[in-house]
Amino acid sequence: MNDIFDTAINIHFITQFQIDEILGEPCRRIVVRNYKAIYVPKNDNKIRILRVFNTYKNPENLTAPNL
């Protein structure tokens, strides 16, 4: 988990990572090892992490996060 938070802290611009293929815009994803963190931009210099989950699980079984 520390690796995910370290990656999120070191984001240089809020659109740095890819748009999530399941949730679409504005949700973006950070993938670290076998974990995925879904985040949305809050403003020019902050993000909100919505969910962190193990990528070995089927993402279709996860409920959509509240934006």
N, C-alpha and C. Protein backbone atom coordinates (compact mmCIF):
# COMPACT_ATOMS: atom_id res chain seq x y z
N MET A 1 0.82 -1.20 0.00
CA MET A 1 0.00 0.00 0.00
C MET A 1 0.86 1.26 0.00
N ASN A 2 1.97 1.20 0.67
CA ASN A 2 2.84 2.38 0.70
C ASN A 2 3.30 2.77 -0.70
N ASP A 3 3.56 1.78 -1.56
CA ASP A 3 3.99 2.07 -2.93
C ASP A 3 2.90 2.83 -3.70
N ILE A 4 1.65 2.46 -3.49
CA ILE A 4 0.55 3.15 -4.16
C ILE A 4 0.46 4.59 -3.69
N PHE A 5 0.53 4.79 -2.38
CA PHE A 5 0.45 6.16 -1.86
C PHE A 5 1.66 6.99 -2.27
N ASP A 6 2.84 6.37 -2.30
CA ASP A 6 4.03 7.10 -2.75
C ASP A 6 3.89 7.53 -4.21
N THR A 7 3.32 6.65 -5.04
CA THR A 7 3.09 6.98 -6.45
C THR A 7 2.10 8.12 -6.57
N ALA A 8 1.01 8.07 -5.78
CA ALA A 8 0.00 9.13 -5.82
C ALA A 8 0.57 10.47 -5.35
N ILE A 9 1.39 10.44 -4.34
CA ILE A 9 2.00 11.68 -3.83
C ILE A 9 2.92 12.30 -4.88
N ASN A 10 3.55 11.48 -5.70
CA ASN A 10 4.50 11.97 -6.69
C ASN A 10 3.89 12.27 -8.05
N ILE A 11 2.58 12.41 -8.13
CA ILE A 11 1.94 12.80 -9.38
C ILE A 11 2.31 14.26 -9.66
N HIS A 12 2.81 14.50 -10.87
CA HIS A 12 3.24 15.86 -11.26
C HIS A 12 2.10 16.67 -11.86
N PHE A 13 1.17 16.00 -12.55
CA PHE A 13 -0.02 16.65 -13.06
C PHE A 13 -1.16 15.65 -12.98
N ILE A 14 -2.38 16.11 -12.71
CA ILE A 14 -3.48 15.22 -12.34
C ILE A 14 -3.93 14.28 -13.45
N THR A 15 -3.59 14.57 -14.69
CA THR A 15 -3.96 13.67 -15.79
C THR A 15 -2.78 12.79 -16.21
N GLN A 16 -1.87 12.58 -15.30
CA GLN A 16 -0.64 11.84 -15.59
C GLN A 16 -0.91 10.37 -15.94
N PHE A 17 -1.89 9.76 -15.32
CA PHE A 17 -2.16 8.34 -15.54
C PHE A 17 -3.35 8.14 -16.47
N GLN A 18 -3.53 6.90 -16.92
CA GLN A 18 -4.55 6.58 -17.92
C GLN A 18 -5.96 6.69 -17.36
N ILE A 19 -6.90 6.97 -18.26
CA ILE A 19 -8.32 6.93 -17.92
C ILE A 19 -8.69 5.47 -17.69
N ASP A 20 -9.46 5.19 -16.65
CA ASP A 20 -9.85 3.82 -16.36
C ASP A 20 -10.75 3.29 -17.46
N GLU A 21 -10.45 2.08 -17.94
CA GLU A 21 -11.17 1.51 -19.07
C GLU A 21 -12.59 1.09 -18.73
N ILE A 22 -12.88 0.85 -17.47
CA ILE A 22 -14.23 0.42 -17.07
C ILE A 22 -15.09 1.60 -16.65
N LEU A 23 -14.55 2.50 -15.86
CA LEU A 23 -15.32 3.62 -15.33
C LEU A 23 -15.33 4.83 -16.25
N GLY A 24 -14.32 4.97 -17.10
CA GLY A 24 -14.26 6.09 -18.02
C GLY A 24 -13.91 7.41 -17.35
N GLU A 25 -14.04 8.49 -18.12
CA GLU A 25 -13.74 9.84 -17.63
C GLU A 25 -14.69 10.21 -16.51
N PRO A 26 -14.32 10.80 -15.43
CA PRO A 26 -13.05 11.41 -15.09
C PRO A 26 -12.13 10.48 -14.30
N CYS A 27 -12.50 9.21 -14.15
CA CYS A 27 -11.72 8.28 -13.33
C CYS A 27 -10.42 7.88 -14.03
N ARG A 28 -9.35 7.94 -13.28
CA ARG A 28 -8.04 7.53 -13.78
C ARG A 28 -7.50 6.43 -12.88
N ARG A 29 -6.50 5.71 -13.38
CA ARG A 29 -5.99 4.57 -12.62
C ARG A 29 -4.48 4.64 -12.46
N ILE A 30 -4.05 4.17 -11.30
CA ILE A 30 -2.63 3.98 -11.00
C ILE A 30 -2.48 2.48 -10.76
N VAL A 31 -1.58 1.84 -11.48
CA VAL A 31 -1.34 0.42 -11.29
C VAL A 31 0.05 0.24 -10.70
N VAL A 32 0.10 -0.41 -9.53
CA VAL A 32 1.36 -0.70 -8.87
C VAL A 32 1.33 -2.17 -8.47
N ARG A 33 2.25 -2.92 -9.05
CA ARG A 33 2.30 -4.38 -8.84
C ARG A 33 0.96 -4.97 -9.22
N ASN A 34 0.29 -5.63 -8.29
CA ASN A 34 -1.01 -6.24 -8.62
C ASN A 34 -2.17 -5.47 -7.99
N TYR A 35 -1.98 -4.19 -7.76
CA TYR A 35 -3.04 -3.34 -7.20
C TYR A 35 -3.33 -2.19 -8.15
N LYS A 36 -4.59 -1.80 -8.15
CA LYS A 36 -5.02 -0.66 -8.96
C LYS A 36 -5.70 0.34 -8.03
N ALA A 37 -5.32 1.60 -8.18
CA ALA A 37 -5.97 2.69 -7.43
C ALA A 37 -6.73 3.53 -8.44
N ILE A 38 -8.01 3.77 -8.15
CA ILE A 38 -8.85 4.62 -8.99
C ILE A 38 -8.91 6.00 -8.33
N TYR A 39 -8.67 7.03 -9.11
CA TYR A 39 -8.73 8.39 -8.56
C TYR A 39 -9.41 9.34 -9.53
N VAL A 40 -9.86 10.45 -8.98
CA VAL A 40 -10.43 11.53 -9.78
C VAL A 40 -9.74 12.83 -9.38
N PRO A 41 -9.55 13.74 -10.33
CA PRO A 41 -8.99 15.04 -10.00
C PRO A 41 -9.97 15.86 -9.17
N LYS A 42 -9.48 16.51 -8.12
CA LYS A 42 -10.31 17.40 -7.30
C LYS A 42 -10.17 18.85 -7.76
N ASN A 43 -8.96 19.27 -8.00
CA ASN A 43 -8.67 20.61 -8.53
C ASN A 43 -7.29 20.55 -9.18
N ASP A 44 -6.66 21.66 -9.40
CA ASP A 44 -5.39 21.68 -10.13
C ASP A 44 -4.25 20.93 -9.46
N ASN A 45 -4.31 20.74 -8.16
CA ASN A 45 -3.18 20.11 -7.49
C ASN A 45 -3.58 19.02 -6.48
N LYS A 46 -4.81 18.53 -6.53
CA LYS A 46 -5.24 17.48 -5.61
C LYS A 46 -6.03 16.41 -6.35
N ILE A 47 -5.92 15.19 -5.82
CA ILE A 47 -6.72 14.09 -6.34
C ILE A 47 -7.47 13.45 -5.19
N ARG A 48 -8.48 12.67 -5.53
CA ARG A 48 -9.23 11.91 -4.52
C ARG A 48 -9.16 10.44 -4.93
N ILE A 49 -8.55 9.61 -4.10
CA ILE A 49 -8.47 8.19 -4.37
C ILE A 49 -9.79 7.57 -3.94
N LEU A 50 -10.47 6.95 -4.90
CA LEU A 50 -11.80 6.38 -4.65
C LEU A 50 -11.74 4.95 -4.17
N ARG A 51 -10.81 4.19 -4.72
CA ARG A 51 -10.77 2.77 -4.38
C ARG A 51 -9.40 2.20 -4.75
N VAL A 52 -8.93 1.27 -3.91
CA VAL A 52 -7.73 0.50 -4.20
C VAL A 52 -8.15 -0.96 -4.12
N PHE A 53 -7.81 -1.74 -5.16
CA PHE A 53 -8.19 -3.15 -5.13
C PHE A 53 -7.16 -4.01 -5.83
N ASN A 54 -7.20 -5.28 -5.51
CA ASN A 54 -6.31 -6.27 -6.08
C ASN A 54 -6.76 -6.57 -7.50
N THR A 55 -5.86 -6.50 -8.46
CA THR A 55 -6.22 -6.71 -9.86
C THR A 55 -6.47 -8.17 -10.20
N TYR A 56 -6.18 -9.08 -9.27
CA TYR A 56 -6.50 -10.48 -9.51
C TYR A 56 -8.00 -10.73 -9.41
N LYS A 57 -8.73 -9.80 -8.82
CA LYS A 57 -10.19 -9.93 -8.72
C LYS A 57 -10.84 -9.40 -9.99
N ASN A 58 -12.01 -9.91 -10.30
CA ASN A 58 -12.74 -9.49 -11.49
C ASN A 58 -13.29 -8.08 -11.25
N PRO A 59 -12.88 -7.07 -12.02
CA PRO A 59 -13.32 -5.70 -11.78
C PRO A 59 -14.82 -5.51 -12.03
N GLU A 60 -15.44 -6.39 -12.79
CA GLU A 60 -16.87 -6.26 -13.04
C GLU A 60 -17.69 -6.58 -11.79
N ASN A 61 -17.07 -7.27 -10.82
CA ASN A 61 -17.78 -7.60 -9.58
C ASN A 61 -17.74 -6.43 -8.59
N LEU A 62 -16.95 -5.41 -8.87
CA LEU A 62 -16.85 -4.25 -7.97
C LEU A 62 -17.95 -3.26 -8.30
N THR A 63 -18.47 -2.62 -7.29
CA THR A 63 -19.47 -1.60 -7.52
C THR A 63 -18.78 -0.30 -7.92
N ALA A 64 -19.50 0.52 -8.66
CA ALA A 64 -18.95 1.81 -9.08
C ALA A 64 -18.78 2.72 -7.87
N PRO A 65 -17.66 3.42 -7.78
CA PRO A 65 -17.44 4.33 -6.66
C PRO A 65 -18.33 5.55 -6.77
N ASN A 66 -18.62 6.15 -5.62
CA ASN A 66 -19.38 7.40 -5.60
C ASN A 66 -18.44 8.54 -5.95
N LEU A 67 -18.78 9.26 -7.00
CA LEU A 67 -17.92 10.39 -7.40
C LEU A 67 -18.30 11.57 -6.64
